[in-house]
Amino acid sequence: KGVSYEEIIVDITASDTGAAHTPLTVVFQANITPVVPYNYSYNIYVDSEPSGSGVANTETFNITFTNPGANQIIFIVQDTSGCEVYDTITIHVQGVDVPNVFTPNGDDVNVQTV
């Protein structure tokens, strides 16, 4: 007899998709059917370069982003049979705004660099 596999449907949602400054902590929620035990792992890429990875033990987990840029997270959800499903989310994180000019015009605004 053959073994039949039920289709795994994954929808990972994020509490925030970014446009905030570092460090940015985002809560992720994995909504998966059918409801059975899964292993969750993820890889993070910043501007297409590998930046980190991790494993989560629960359907709700946090990731703190410390690198500015477009952080693409590829989630890998694996069932007990070894079948894998992927979902991708991009979190945009801003860097620190540092002015690169000063204007000493007597108004006492932007007269020093720190």
C-alpha atoms as a PDB file:
ATOM      1  CA  LYS A   1       0.000   0.000   0.000  1.00  0.00           C
ATOM      2  CA  GLY A   2       1.140   3.513  -0.727  1.00  0.00           C
ATOM      3  CA  VAL A   3       1.430   6.254   1.857  1.00  0.00           C
ATOM      4  CA  SER A   4      -0.720   9.313   1.347  1.00  0.00           C
ATOM      5  CA  TYR A   5       0.351  12.719   2.602  1.00  0.00           C
ATOM      6  CA  GLU A   6      -2.001  15.486   3.522  1.00  0.00           C
ATOM      7  CA  GLU A   7      -1.163  18.871   2.019  1.00  0.00           C
ATOM      8  CA  ILE A   8       0.459  21.256   4.494  1.00  0.00           C
ATOM      9  CA  ILE A   9      -0.798  24.831   4.286  1.00  0.00           C
ATOM     10  CA  VAL A  10       1.386  27.471   5.949  1.00  0.00           C
ATOM     11  CA  ASP A  11       0.591  31.111   6.657  1.00  0.00           C
ATOM     12  CA  ILE A  12       3.152  32.953   8.805  1.00  0.00           C
ATOM     13  CA  THR A  13       2.119  36.426   9.954  1.00  0.00           C
ATOM     14  CA  ALA A  14       4.222  39.205  11.492  1.00  0.00           C
ATOM     15  CA  SER A  15       3.215  41.728  14.151  1.00  0.00           C
ATOM     16  CA  ASP A  16       5.163  44.408  12.239  1.00  0.00           C
ATOM     17  CA  THR A  17       6.720  44.492   8.784  1.00  0.00           C
ATOM     18  CA  GLY A  18       9.162  47.208   9.622  1.00  0.00           C
ATOM     19  CA  ALA A  19      10.054  50.744   8.711  1.00  0.00           C
ATOM     20  CA  ALA A  20      11.319  51.040  12.281  1.00  0.00           C
ATOM     21  CA  HIS A  21      14.816  51.493  13.649  1.00  0.00           C
ATOM     22  CA  THR A  22      17.018  48.779  15.115  1.00  0.00           C
ATOM     23  CA  PRO A  23      16.649  46.859  17.300  1.00  0.00           C
ATOM     24  CA  LEU A  24      13.211  45.805  16.057  1.00  0.00           C
ATOM     25  CA  THR A  25      11.494  42.823  17.715  1.00  0.00           C
ATOM     26  CA  VAL A  26       8.767  41.186  15.648  1.00  0.00           C
ATOM     27  CA  VAL A  27       6.334  38.505  16.849  1.00  0.00           C
ATOM     28  CA  PHE A  28       5.631  35.805  14.267  1.00  0.00           C
ATOM     29  CA  GLN A  29       2.604  33.515  14.325  1.00  0.00           C
ATOM     30  CA  ALA A  30       2.574  30.257  12.349  1.00  0.00           C
ATOM     31  CA  ASN A  31      -0.891  29.237  11.178  1.00  0.00           C
ATOM     32  CA  ILE A  32      -0.633  25.727   9.773  1.00  0.00           C
ATOM     33  CA  THR A  33      -3.114  23.081   8.701  1.00  0.00           C
ATOM     34  CA  PRO A  34      -3.431  20.257   9.412  1.00  0.00           C
ATOM     35  CA  VAL A  35      -2.780  20.798  13.111  1.00  0.00           C
ATOM     36  CA  VAL A  36      -0.009  18.352  14.048  1.00  0.00           C
ATOM     37  CA  PRO A  37       3.459  18.813  15.573  1.00  0.00           C
ATOM     38  CA  TYR A  38       5.914  20.686  13.340  1.00  0.00           C
ATOM     39  CA  ASN A  39       9.512  21.827  13.498  1.00  0.00           C
ATOM     40  CA  TYR A  40      10.052  25.517  12.696  1.00  0.00           C
ATOM     41  CA  SER A  41      13.310  26.985  11.464  1.00  0.00           C
ATOM     42  CA  TYR A  42      14.217  30.129   9.574  1.00  0.00           C
ATOM     43  CA  ASN A  43      16.997  31.785   7.607  1.00  0.00           C
ATOM     44  CA  ILE A  44      17.431  35.568   7.481  1.00  0.00           C
ATOM     45  CA  TYR A  45      18.915  37.444   4.530  1.00  0.00           C
ATOM     46  CA  VAL A  46      19.691  41.187   4.576  1.00  0.00           C
ATOM     47  CA  ASP A  47      19.844  42.651   1.083  1.00  0.00           C
ATOM     48  CA  SER A  48      20.241  39.077  -0.274  1.00  0.00           C
ATOM     49  CA  GLU A  49      23.202  38.271   1.996  1.00  0.00           C
ATOM     50  CA  PRO A  50      22.890  35.563   4.718  1.00  0.00           C
ATOM     51  CA  SER A  51      22.504  37.215   8.118  1.00  0.00           C
ATOM     52  CA  GLY A  52      21.321  34.576  10.558  1.00  0.00           C
ATOM     53  CA  SER A  53      19.163  31.577  11.256  1.00  0.00           C
ATOM     54  CA  GLY A  54      17.287  29.993  14.084  1.00  0.00           C
ATOM     55  CA  VAL A  55      14.862  27.389  15.346  1.00  0.00           C
ATOM     56  CA  ALA A  56      11.544  27.972  17.056  1.00  0.00           C
ATOM     57  CA  ASN A  57       9.787  25.438  19.252  1.00  0.00           C
ATOM     58  CA  THR A  58       6.331  27.003  19.233  1.00  0.00           C
ATOM     59  CA  GLU A  59       3.848  28.456  16.750  1.00  0.00           C
ATOM     60  CA  THR A  60       4.429  31.961  18.180  1.00  0.00           C
ATOM     61  CA  PHE A  61       8.001  33.222  18.371  1.00  0.00           C
ATOM     62  CA  ASN A  62      10.026  36.451  18.347  1.00  0.00           C
ATOM     63  CA  ILE A  63      12.930  37.548  16.180  1.00  0.00           C
ATOM     64  CA  THR A  64      14.892  40.721  16.984  1.00  0.00           C
ATOM     65  CA  PHE A  65      16.390  42.431  13.943  1.00  0.00           C
ATOM     66  CA  THR A  66      19.603  44.397  14.448  1.00  0.00           C
ATOM     67  CA  ASN A  67      20.671  44.861  10.815  1.00  0.00           C
ATOM     68  CA  PRO A  68      19.188  47.718   8.807  1.00  0.00           C
ATOM     69  CA  GLY A  69      17.887  46.925   5.338  1.00  0.00           C
ATOM     70  CA  ALA A  70      15.397  44.571   3.777  1.00  0.00           C
ATOM     71  CA  ASN A  71      15.458  41.510   6.059  1.00  0.00           C
ATOM     72  CA  GLN A  72      13.980  38.578   4.153  1.00  0.00           C
ATOM     73  CA  ILE A  73      12.996  35.678   6.392  1.00  0.00           C
ATOM     74  CA  ILE A  74      12.476  32.267   4.834  1.00  0.00           C
ATOM     75  CA  PHE A  75      10.538  30.015   7.207  1.00  0.00           C
ATOM     76  CA  ILE A  76      10.864  26.254   6.893  1.00  0.00           C
ATOM     77  CA  VAL A  77       8.064  24.196   8.427  1.00  0.00           C
ATOM     78  CA  GLN A  78       8.707  20.460   8.635  1.00  0.00           C
ATOM     79  CA  ASP A  79       6.274  17.771   9.714  1.00  0.00           C
ATOM     80  CA  THR A  80       7.203  14.498  11.438  1.00  0.00           C
ATOM     81  CA  SER A  81       7.407  12.731   8.038  1.00  0.00           C
ATOM     82  CA  GLY A  82      10.095  15.151   6.864  1.00  0.00           C
ATOM     83  CA  CYS A  83       7.870  17.045   4.412  1.00  0.00           C
ATOM     84  CA  GLU A  84       8.856  20.727   4.225  1.00  0.00           C
ATOM     85  CA  VAL A  85       6.884  23.830   3.315  1.00  0.00           C
ATOM     86  CA  TYR A  86       8.313  27.337   2.979  1.00  0.00           C
ATOM     87  CA  ASP A  87       6.924  30.819   3.610  1.00  0.00           C
ATOM     88  CA  THR A  88       8.734  34.135   3.128  1.00  0.00           C
ATOM     89  CA  ILE A  89       8.254  37.537   4.804  1.00  0.00           C
ATOM     90  CA  THR A  90      10.300  40.721   4.354  1.00  0.00           C
ATOM     91  CA  ILE A  91      10.857  43.051   7.313  1.00  0.00           C
ATOM     92  CA  HIS A  92      12.248  46.516   6.513  1.00  0.00           C
ATOM     93  CA  VAL A  93      14.534  47.900   9.211  1.00  0.00           C
ATOM     94  CA  GLN A  94      15.937  51.423   9.148  1.00  0.00           C
ATOM     95  CA  GLY A  95      19.412  52.374  10.243  1.00  0.00           C
ATOM     96  CA  VAL A  96      20.315  55.326  12.401  1.00  0.00           C
ATOM     97  CA  ASP A  97      19.901  58.677  10.669  1.00  0.00           C
ATOM     98  CA  VAL A  98      23.182  60.559  10.946  1.00  0.00           C
ATOM     99  CA  PRO A  99      23.384  63.959   9.255  1.00  0.00           C
ATOM    100  CA  ASN A 100      26.430  64.351   7.048  1.00  0.00           C
ATOM    101  CA  VAL A 101      26.330  68.165   6.867  1.00  0.00           C
ATOM    102  CA  PHE A 102      26.235  71.115   9.213  1.00  0.00           C
ATOM    103  CA  THR A 103      25.032  74.645   8.618  1.00  0.00           C
ATOM    104  CA  PRO A 104      26.784  77.268  10.747  1.00  0.00           C
ATOM    105  CA  ASN A 105      24.562  80.205   9.789  1.00  0.00           C
ATOM    106  CA  GLY A 106      23.992  81.724  13.211  1.00  0.00           C
ATOM    107  CA  ASP A 107      20.692  79.955  13.992  1.00  0.00           C
ATOM    108  CA  ASP A 108      22.359  77.412  16.351  1.00  0.00           C
ATOM    109  CA  VAL A 109      20.866  74.476  14.369  1.00  0.00           C
ATOM    110  CA  ASN A 110      23.164  71.805  12.885  1.00  0.00           C
ATOM    111  CA  VAL A 111      26.328  73.606  13.971  1.00  0.00           C
ATOM    112  CA  GLN A 112      28.196  70.621  15.443  1.00  0.00           C
ATOM    113  CA  THR A 113      28.833  67.043  14.529  1.00  0.00           C
ATOM    114  CA  VAL A 114      28.889  64.622  17.385  1.00  0.00           C
END
